[in-house]
């Protein structure tokens, strides 16, 4: 399950119960903070605009814009 934020602490609501069942059956969760989503979107848009520039490919590989995202 991919989320941008943690679930609320209320353990009795339907979401928390469904999430607990998901985890009990071996499901895993990944938390990707909103700033990381924003960075990925910006990089994708930047790449779409500049990918045809002659030196973009080399520059993009050297800069590793997404390497700081865990």
PDB file of N, CA and C in Angstrom:
ATOM      1  N   UNK A   1       0.851  -1.150   0.000  1.00  0.00           N
ATOM      2  CA  UNK A   1       0.000   0.000   0.000  1.00  0.00           C
ATOM      3  C   UNK A   1       0.905   1.224   0.000  1.00  0.00           C
ATOM      4  N   UNK A   2       0.652   2.110  -0.897  1.00  0.00           N
ATOM      5  CA  UNK A   2       1.448   3.320  -1.039  1.00  0.00           C
ATOM      6  C   UNK A   2       0.663   4.490  -0.487  1.00  0.00           C
ATOM      7  N   UNK A   3       1.294   5.243   0.429  1.00  0.00           N
ATOM      8  CA  UNK A   3       0.620   6.381   1.063  1.00  0.00           C
ATOM      9  C   UNK A   3       1.540   7.586   1.075  1.00  0.00           C
ATOM     10  N   UNK A   4       0.914   8.774   1.132  1.00  0.00           N
ATOM     11  CA  UNK A   4       1.672  10.016   1.236  1.00  0.00           C
ATOM     12  C   UNK A   4       1.742  10.498   2.681  1.00  0.00           C
ATOM     13  N   UNK A   5       0.981   9.879   3.561  1.00  0.00           N
ATOM     14  CA  UNK A   5       1.022  10.241   4.979  1.00  0.00           C
ATOM     15  C   UNK A   5       0.606   9.026   5.795  1.00  0.00           C
ATOM     16  N   UNK A   6       0.920   9.066   7.070  1.00  0.00           N
ATOM     17  CA  UNK A   6       0.530   7.968   7.952  1.00  0.00           C
ATOM     18  C   UNK A   6      -0.983   7.962   8.135  1.00  0.00           C
ATOM     19  N   UNK A   7      -1.499   6.813   8.536  1.00  0.00           N
ATOM     20  CA  UNK A   7      -2.908   6.746   8.866  1.00  0.00           C
ATOM     21  C   UNK A   7      -3.146   7.483  10.176  1.00  0.00           C
ATOM     22  N   UNK A   8      -4.344   8.012  10.375  1.00  0.00           N
ATOM     23  CA  UNK A   8      -4.659   8.636  11.662  1.00  0.00           C
ATOM     24  C   UNK A   8      -4.541   7.605  12.787  1.00  0.00           C
ATOM     25  N   UNK A   9      -4.273   8.062  14.000  1.00  0.00           N
ATOM     26  CA  UNK A   9      -4.044   7.129  15.116  1.00  0.00           C
ATOM     27  C   UNK A   9      -5.278   6.346  15.569  1.00  0.00           C
ATOM     28  N   UNK A  10      -6.481   6.728  15.160  1.00  0.00           N
ATOM     29  CA  UNK A  10      -7.689   6.024  15.579  1.00  0.00           C
ATOM     30  C   UNK A  10      -7.656   4.593  15.045  1.00  0.00           C
ATOM     31  N   UNK A  11      -7.544   3.633  15.934  1.00  0.00           N
ATOM     32  CA  UNK A  11      -7.401   2.234  15.532  1.00  0.00           C
ATOM     33  C   UNK A  11      -8.744   1.518  15.360  1.00  0.00           C
ATOM     34  N   UNK A  12      -9.842   2.212  15.592  1.00  0.00           N
ATOM     35  CA  UNK A  12     -11.145   1.558  15.519  1.00  0.00           C
ATOM     36  C   UNK A  12     -11.931   1.921  14.262  1.00  0.00           C
ATOM     37  N   UNK A  13     -11.448   2.856  13.470  1.00  0.00           N
ATOM     38  CA  UNK A  13     -12.210   3.207  12.271  1.00  0.00           C
ATOM     39  C   UNK A  13     -12.008   2.157  11.178  1.00  0.00           C
ATOM     40  N   UNK A  14     -12.814   2.214  10.135  1.00  0.00           N
ATOM     41  CA  UNK A  14     -12.772   1.197   9.083  1.00  0.00           C
ATOM     42  C   UNK A  14     -11.435   1.168   8.357  1.00  0.00           C
ATOM     43  N   UNK A  15     -10.847   2.330   8.151  1.00  0.00           N
ATOM     44  CA  UNK A  15      -9.568   2.383   7.444  1.00  0.00           C
ATOM     45  C   UNK A  15      -8.492   1.656   8.236  1.00  0.00           C
ATOM     46  N   UNK A  16      -8.424   1.922   9.524  1.00  0.00           N
ATOM     47  CA  UNK A  16      -7.418   1.278  10.369  1.00  0.00           C
ATOM     48  C   UNK A  16      -7.633  -0.234  10.420  1.00  0.00           C
ATOM     49  N   UNK A  17      -8.873  -0.658  10.492  1.00  0.00           N
ATOM     50  CA  UNK A  17      -9.162  -2.091  10.534  1.00  0.00           C
ATOM     51  C   UNK A  17      -8.780  -2.765   9.216  1.00  0.00           C
ATOM     52  N   UNK A  18      -9.100  -2.121   8.096  1.00  0.00           N
ATOM     53  CA  UNK A  18      -8.747  -2.686   6.790  1.00  0.00           C
ATOM     54  C   UNK A  18      -7.230  -2.742   6.626  1.00  0.00           C
ATOM     55  N   UNK A  19      -6.543  -1.707   7.089  1.00  0.00           N
ATOM     56  CA  UNK A  19      -5.087  -1.676   6.989  1.00  0.00           C
ATOM     57  C   UNK A  19      -4.468  -2.781   7.842  1.00  0.00           C
ATOM     58  N   UNK A  20      -5.007  -2.998   9.031  1.00  0.00           N
ATOM     59  CA  UNK A  20      -4.496  -4.054   9.903  1.00  0.00           C
ATOM     60  C   UNK A  20      -4.671  -5.429   9.239  1.00  0.00           C
ATOM     61  N   UNK A  21      -5.821  -5.679   8.629  1.00  0.00           N
ATOM     62  CA  UNK A  21      -6.048  -6.951   7.932  1.00  0.00           C
ATOM     63  C   UNK A  21      -5.079  -7.101   6.762  1.00  0.00           C
ATOM     64  N   UNK A  22      -4.866  -6.025   6.057  1.00  0.00           N
ATOM     65  CA  UNK A  22      -3.925  -6.020   4.934  1.00  0.00           C
ATOM     66  C   UNK A  22      -2.533  -6.426   5.409  1.00  0.00           C
ATOM     67  N   UNK A  23      -2.083  -5.836   6.525  1.00  0.00           N
ATOM     68  CA  UNK A  23      -0.758  -6.148   7.075  1.00  0.00           C
ATOM     69  C   UNK A  23      -0.697  -7.585   7.597  1.00  0.00           C
ATOM     70  N   UNK A  24      -1.749  -8.047   8.247  1.00  0.00           N
ATOM     71  CA  UNK A  24      -1.778  -9.406   8.792  1.00  0.00           C
ATOM     72  C   UNK A  24      -1.676 -10.462   7.692  1.00  0.00           C
ATOM     73  N   UNK A  25      -2.138 -10.131   6.499  1.00  0.00           N
ATOM     74  CA  UNK A  25      -2.076 -11.068   5.373  1.00  0.00           C
ATOM     75  C   UNK A  25      -0.790 -10.917   4.571  1.00  0.00           C
ATOM     76  N   UNK A  26       0.178 -10.194   5.134  1.00  0.00           N
ATOM     77  CA  UNK A  26       1.476 -10.075   4.482  1.00  0.00           C
ATOM     78  C   UNK A  26       1.662  -8.824   3.650  1.00  0.00           C
ATOM     79  N   UNK A  27       0.679  -7.949   3.642  1.00  0.00           N
ATOM     80  CA  UNK A  27       0.801  -6.714   2.875  1.00  0.00           C
ATOM     81  C   UNK A  27       1.848  -5.785   3.476  1.00  0.00           C
ATOM     82  N   UNK A  28       2.472  -5.031   2.627  1.00  0.00           N
ATOM     83  CA  UNK A  28       3.479  -4.072   3.089  1.00  0.00           C
ATOM     84  C   UNK A  28       3.028  -2.663   2.744  1.00  0.00           C
ATOM     85  N   UNK A  29       3.542  -1.714   3.484  1.00  0.00           N
ATOM     86  CA  UNK A  29       3.192  -0.322   3.212  1.00  0.00           C
ATOM     87  C   UNK A  29       4.463   0.483   2.966  1.00  0.00           C
ATOM     88  N   UNK A  30       4.318   1.473   2.127  1.00  0.00           N
ATOM     89  CA  UNK A  30       5.423   2.381   1.826  1.00  0.00           C
ATOM     90  C   UNK A  30       4.892   3.794   1.995  1.00  0.00           C
ATOM     91  N   UNK A  31       5.615   4.590   2.742  1.00  0.00           N
ATOM     92  CA  UNK A  31       5.237   5.979   2.966  1.00  0.00           C
ATOM     93  C   UNK A  31       6.143   6.867   2.121  1.00  0.00           C
ATOM     94  N   UNK A  32       5.556   7.587   1.184  1.00  0.00           N
ATOM     95  CA  UNK A  32       6.298   8.532   0.355  1.00  0.00           C
ATOM     96  C   UNK A  32       5.759   9.916   0.698  1.00  0.00           C
ATOM     97  N   UNK A  33       6.552  10.741   1.388  1.00  0.00           N
ATOM     98  CA  UNK A  33       6.078  12.062   1.795  1.00  0.00           C
ATOM     99  C   UNK A  33       5.717  12.944   0.595  1.00  0.00           C
ATOM    100  N   UNK A  34       4.796  13.853   0.803  1.00  0.00           N
ATOM    101  CA  UNK A  34       4.322  14.736  -0.264  1.00  0.00           C
ATOM    102  C   UNK A  34       5.461  15.497  -0.942  1.00  0.00           C
ATOM    103  N   UNK A  35       6.458  16.030  -0.218  1.00  0.00           N
ATOM    104  CA  UNK A  35       7.556  16.718  -0.924  1.00  0.00           C
ATOM    105  C   UNK A  35       8.297  15.813  -1.915  1.00  0.00           C
ATOM    106  N   UNK A  36       8.403  14.523  -1.605  1.00  0.00           N
ATOM    107  CA  UNK A  36       9.040  13.592  -2.550  1.00  0.00           C
ATOM    108  C   UNK A  36       8.185  13.403  -3.795  1.00  0.00           C
ATOM    109  N   UNK A  37       6.854  13.312  -3.616  1.00  0.00           N
ATOM    110  CA  UNK A  37       5.953  13.230  -4.770  1.00  0.00           C
ATOM    111  C   UNK A  37       6.108  14.474  -5.641  1.00  0.00           C
ATOM    112  N   UNK A  38       6.145  15.640  -4.984  1.00  0.00           N
ATOM    113  CA  UNK A  38       6.266  16.891  -5.735  1.00  0.00           C
ATOM    114  C   UNK A  38       7.567  16.930  -6.524  1.00  0.00           C
ATOM    115  N   UNK A  39       8.636  16.465  -5.914  1.00  0.00           N
ATOM    116  CA  UNK A  39       9.924  16.448  -6.613  1.00  0.00           C
ATOM    117  C   UNK A  39       9.881  15.515  -7.825  1.00  0.00           C
ATOM    118  N   UNK A  40       9.289  14.332  -7.653  1.00  0.00           N
ATOM    119  CA  UNK A  40       9.196  13.394  -8.775  1.00  0.00           C
ATOM    120  C   UNK A  40       8.373  13.982  -9.920  1.00  0.00           C
ATOM    121  N   UNK A  41       7.297  14.669  -9.590  1.00  0.00           N
ATOM    122  CA  UNK A  41       6.457  15.286 -10.620  1.00  0.00           C
ATOM    123  C   UNK A  41       7.217  16.396 -11.335  1.00  0.00           C
ATOM    124  N   UNK A  42       7.932  17.225 -10.575  1.00  0.00           N
ATOM    125  CA  UNK A  42       8.699  18.312 -11.192  1.00  0.00           C
ATOM    126  C   UNK A  42       9.784  17.770 -12.109  1.00  0.00           C
ATOM    127  N   UNK A  43      10.469  16.722 -11.688  1.00  0.00           N
ATOM    128  CA  UNK A  43      11.520  16.133 -12.525  1.00  0.00           C
ATOM    129  C   UNK A  43      10.909  15.563 -13.803  1.00  0.00           C
ATOM    130  N   UNK A  44       9.773  14.911 -13.680  1.00  0.00           N
ATOM    131  CA  UNK A  44       9.107  14.356 -14.868  1.00  0.00           C
ATOM    132  C   UNK A  44       8.710  15.461 -15.845  1.00  0.00           C
ATOM    133  N   UNK A  45       8.156  16.557 -15.326  1.00  0.00           N
ATOM    134  CA  UNK A  45       7.762  17.671 -16.188  1.00  0.00           C
ATOM    135  C   UNK A  45       8.981  18.335 -16.824  1.00  0.00           C
ATOM    136  N   UNK A  46      10.041  18.509 -16.044  1.00  0.00           N
ATOM    137  CA  UNK A  46      11.263  19.112 -16.565  1.00  0.00           C
ATOM    138  C   UNK A  46      11.850  18.240 -17.672  1.00  0.00           C
ATOM    139  N   UNK A  47      11.859  16.943 -17.445  1.00  0.00           N
ATOM    140  CA  UNK A  47      12.385  16.015 -18.446  1.00  0.00           C
ATOM    141  C   UNK A  47      11.548  16.071 -19.723  1.00  0.00           C
ATOM    142  N   UNK A  48      10.242  16.153 -19.589  1.00  0.00           N
ATOM    143  CA  UNK A  48       9.373  16.219 -20.767  1.00  0.00           C
ATOM    144  C   UNK A  48       9.654  17.473 -21.591  1.00  0.00           C
ATOM    145  N   UNK A  49       9.984  18.565 -20.921  1.00  0.00           N
ATOM    146  CA  UNK A  49      10.242  19.825 -21.624  1.00  0.00           C
ATOM    147  C   UNK A  49      11.626  19.875 -22.254  1.00  0.00           C
ATOM    148  N   UNK A  50      12.605  19.205 -21.665  1.00  0.00           N
ATOM    149  CA  UNK A  50      13.997  19.382 -22.088  1.00  0.00           C
ATOM    150  C   UNK A  50      14.670  18.126 -22.637  1.00  0.00           C
ATOM    151  N   UNK A  51      13.958  17.031 -22.724  1.00  0.00           N
ATOM    152  CA  UNK A  51      14.594  15.763 -23.108  1.00  0.00           C
ATOM    153  C   UNK A  51      15.199  15.777 -24.502  1.00  0.00           C
ATOM    154  N   UNK A  52      14.741  16.653 -25.363  1.00  0.00           N
ATOM    155  CA  UNK A  52      15.282  16.706 -26.721  1.00  0.00           C
ATOM    156  C   UNK A  52      16.485  17.640 -26.848  1.00  0.00           C
ATOM    157  N   UNK A  53      16.809  18.369 -25.797  1.00  0.00           N
ATOM    158  CA  UNK A  53      18.004  19.218 -25.821  1.00  0.00           C
ATOM    159  C   UNK A  53      19.229  18.323 -25.989  1.00  0.00           C
ATOM    160  N   UNK A  54      20.193  18.724 -26.809  1.00  0.00           N
ATOM    161  CA  UNK A  54      21.337  17.863 -27.137  1.00  0.00           C
ATOM    162  C   UNK A  54      22.115  17.318 -25.940  1.00  0.00           C
ATOM    163  N   UNK A  55      22.301  18.101 -24.915  1.00  0.00           N
ATOM    164  CA  UNK A  55      23.124  17.637 -23.791  1.00  0.00           C
ATOM    165  C   UNK A  55      22.293  17.197 -22.584  1.00  0.00           C
ATOM    166  N   UNK A  56      20.982  17.134 -22.745  1.00  0.00           N
ATOM    167  CA  UNK A  56      20.128  16.822 -21.600  1.00  0.00           C
ATOM    168  C   UNK A  56      20.398  15.433 -21.025  1.00  0.00           C
ATOM    169  N   UNK A  57      20.512  14.428 -21.874  1.00  0.00           N
ATOM    170  CA  UNK A  57      20.698  13.054 -21.393  1.00  0.00           C
ATOM    171  C   UNK A  57      21.913  12.903 -20.499  1.00  0.00           C
ATOM    172  N   UNK A  58      23.045  13.441 -20.935  1.00  0.00           N
ATOM    173  CA  UNK A  58      24.266  13.360 -20.119  1.00  0.00           C
ATOM    174  C   UNK A  58      24.103  14.129 -18.819  1.00  0.00           C
ATOM    175  N   UNK A  59      23.554  15.336 -18.911  1.00  0.00           N
ATOM    176  CA  UNK A  59      23.355  16.155 -17.714  1.00  0.00           C
ATOM    177  C   UNK A  59      22.418  15.445 -16.735  1.00  0.00           C
ATOM    178  N   UNK A  60      21.337  14.883 -17.242  1.00  0.00           N
ATOM    179  CA  UNK A  60      20.349  14.236 -16.387  1.00  0.00           C
ATOM    180  C   UNK A  60      20.961  13.055 -15.644  1.00  0.00           C
ATOM    181  N   UNK A  61      21.798  12.278 -16.315  1.00  0.00           N
ATOM    182  CA  UNK A  61      22.448  11.143 -15.657  1.00  0.00           C
ATOM    183  C   UNK A  61      23.450  11.609 -14.604  1.00  0.00           C
ATOM    184  N   UNK A  62      24.162  12.681 -14.869  1.00  0.00           N
ATOM    185  CA  UNK A  62      25.164  13.179 -13.911  1.00  0.00           C
ATOM    186  C   UNK A  62      24.521  13.783 -12.670  1.00  0.00           C
ATOM    187  N   UNK A  63      23.432  14.507 -12.836  1.00  0.00           N
ATOM    188  CA  UNK A  63      22.838  15.213 -11.696  1.00  0.00           C
ATOM    189  C   UNK A  63      22.094  14.302 -10.734  1.00  0.00           C
ATOM    190  N   UNK A  64      21.539  13.204 -11.229  1.00  0.00           N
ATOM    191  CA  UNK A  64      20.820  12.243 -10.381  1.00  0.00           C
ATOM    192  C   UNK A  64      19.807  12.955  -9.477  1.00  0.00           C
ATOM    193  N   UNK A  65      18.889  13.664 -10.101  1.00  0.00           N
ATOM    194  CA  UNK A  65      17.931  14.498  -9.378  1.00  0.00           C
ATOM    195  C   UNK A  65      17.068  13.746  -8.369  1.00  0.00           C
ATOM    196  N   UNK A  66      16.861  12.478  -8.584  1.00  0.00           N
ATOM    197  CA  UNK A  66      15.989  11.720  -7.681  1.00  0.00           C
ATOM    198  C   UNK A  66      16.760  10.832  -6.711  1.00  0.00           C
ATOM    199  N   UNK A  67      18.077  10.922  -6.715  1.00  0.00           N
ATOM    200  CA  UNK A  67      18.874  10.022  -5.871  1.00  0.00           C
ATOM    201  C   UNK A  67      18.713  10.292  -4.377  1.00  0.00           C
ATOM    202  N   UNK A  68      18.248  11.470  -4.006  1.00  0.00           N
ATOM    203  CA  UNK A  68      18.075  11.781  -2.588  1.00  0.00           C
ATOM    204  C   UNK A  68      16.779  11.203  -2.022  1.00  0.00           C
ATOM    205  N   UNK A  69      15.921  10.696  -2.894  1.00  0.00           N
ATOM    206  CA  UNK A  69      14.664  10.110  -2.420  1.00  0.00           C
ATOM    207  C   UNK A  69      14.938   8.658  -2.022  1.00  0.00           C
ATOM    208  N   UNK A  70      14.641   8.317  -0.763  1.00  0.00           N
ATOM    209  CA  UNK A  70      14.941   6.948  -0.300  1.00  0.00           C
ATOM    210  C   UNK A  70      14.133   5.874  -0.988  1.00  0.00           C
TER     211      UNK A  70
END
